[in-house]
Amino acid sequence: MDGYQKSGHAIYDIKYHVIWVTKYRYKVLRGQIAVRLRELIRQGCDARGITILQGR
């Protein structure tokens, strides 16, 4: 059971699939905003021990 997390009563593997779509699909996540958001998401994941498997 390699790759699974274990607690006293359970063995688990949690995965999330996040899709971010703005209202009316406005193209707001571009340029410097997109770069900064990517940095913040990576920092938050690192602080919580979350592994990002794939990103665009």
C-alpha atoms as a PDB file:
ATOM      1  CA  MET A   1       0.000   0.000   0.000  1.00  0.00           C
ATOM      2  CA  ASP A   2       2.665   2.402  -1.029  1.00  0.00           C
ATOM      3  CA  GLY A   3       1.540   6.030  -1.457  1.00  0.00           C
ATOM      4  CA  TYR A   4      -1.462   5.750   0.864  1.00  0.00           C
ATOM      5  CA  GLN A   5      -1.768   7.698   4.109  1.00  0.00           C
ATOM      6  CA  LYS A   6      -2.639   5.863   7.288  1.00  0.00           C
ATOM      7  CA  SER A   7      -4.398   6.873  10.472  1.00  0.00           C
ATOM      8  CA  GLY A   8      -5.461   4.835  13.481  1.00  0.00           C
ATOM      9  CA  HIS A   9      -8.687   3.693  11.834  1.00  0.00           C
ATOM     10  CA  ALA A  10      -8.303   4.193   8.093  1.00  0.00           C
ATOM     11  CA  ILE A  11      -6.050   4.024   5.045  1.00  0.00           C
ATOM     12  CA  TYR A  12      -6.718   6.709   2.444  1.00  0.00           C
ATOM     13  CA  ASP A  13      -5.522   8.541  -0.654  1.00  0.00           C
ATOM     14  CA  ILE A  14      -7.267  11.847  -1.395  1.00  0.00           C
ATOM     15  CA  LYS A  15      -7.028  13.593  -4.771  1.00  0.00           C
ATOM     16  CA  TYR A  16      -8.618  16.894  -5.819  1.00  0.00           C
ATOM     17  CA  HIS A  17      -9.330  18.162  -9.324  1.00  0.00           C
ATOM     18  CA  VAL A  18      -9.720  21.961  -9.317  1.00  0.00           C
ATOM     19  CA  ILE A  19     -11.085  23.934 -12.268  1.00  0.00           C
ATOM     20  CA  TRP A  20     -11.141  27.711 -11.993  1.00  0.00           C
ATOM     21  CA  VAL A  21     -13.561  29.494 -14.341  1.00  0.00           C
ATOM     22  CA  THR A  22     -14.404  33.176 -13.981  1.00  0.00           C
ATOM     23  CA  LYS A  23     -17.867  34.630 -14.470  1.00  0.00           C
ATOM     24  CA  TYR A  24     -18.704  34.851 -18.165  1.00  0.00           C
ATOM     25  CA  ARG A  25     -15.286  33.224 -18.816  1.00  0.00           C
ATOM     26  CA  TYR A  26     -13.461  36.578 -18.782  1.00  0.00           C
ATOM     27  CA  LYS A  27      -9.740  36.152 -19.454  1.00  0.00           C
ATOM     28  CA  VAL A  28      -8.452  37.651 -16.178  1.00  0.00           C
ATOM     29  CA  LEU A  29      -5.830  35.055 -15.225  1.00  0.00           C
ATOM     30  CA  ARG A  30      -3.161  36.125 -17.692  1.00  0.00           C
ATOM     31  CA  GLY A  31       0.287  37.696 -17.603  1.00  0.00           C
ATOM     32  CA  GLN A  32       1.653  38.741 -14.212  1.00  0.00           C
ATOM     33  CA  ILE A  33      -1.604  37.843 -12.453  1.00  0.00           C
ATOM     34  CA  ALA A  34      -1.339  34.234 -13.633  1.00  0.00           C
ATOM     35  CA  VAL A  35       2.317  33.996 -12.608  1.00  0.00           C
ATOM     36  CA  ARG A  36       1.625  35.418  -9.127  1.00  0.00           C
ATOM     37  CA  LEU A  37      -1.403  33.165  -8.594  1.00  0.00           C
ATOM     38  CA  ARG A  38       0.656  30.115  -9.564  1.00  0.00           C
ATOM     39  CA  GLU A  39       3.328  31.114  -7.018  1.00  0.00           C
ATOM     40  CA  LEU A  40       0.731  31.571  -4.257  1.00  0.00           C
ATOM     41  CA  ILE A  41      -0.908  28.215  -4.963  1.00  0.00           C
ATOM     42  CA  ARG A  42       2.471  26.464  -4.892  1.00  0.00           C
ATOM     43  CA  GLN A  43       3.434  28.189  -1.620  1.00  0.00           C
ATOM     44  CA  GLY A  44       0.142  27.197  -0.010  1.00  0.00           C
ATOM     45  CA  CYS A  45       0.529  23.595  -1.133  1.00  0.00           C
ATOM     46  CA  ASP A  46       4.119  23.418   0.118  1.00  0.00           C
ATOM     47  CA  ALA A  47       3.081  24.808   3.512  1.00  0.00           C
ATOM     48  CA  ARG A  48       0.432  22.086   3.884  1.00  0.00           C
ATOM     49  CA  GLY A  49       2.481  19.213   2.453  1.00  0.00           C
ATOM     50  CA  ILE A  50       0.299  18.899  -0.656  1.00  0.00           C
ATOM     51  CA  THR A  51       1.825  17.475  -3.833  1.00  0.00           C
ATOM     52  CA  ILE A  52       0.761  18.987  -7.167  1.00  0.00           C
ATOM     53  CA  LEU A  53       0.688  16.202  -9.751  1.00  0.00           C
ATOM     54  CA  GLN A  54      -0.076  18.282 -12.829  1.00  0.00           C
ATOM     55  CA  GLY A  55      -0.778  21.913 -13.649  1.00  0.00           C
ATOM     56  CA  ARG A  56      -1.092  24.217 -16.610  1.00  0.00           C
END
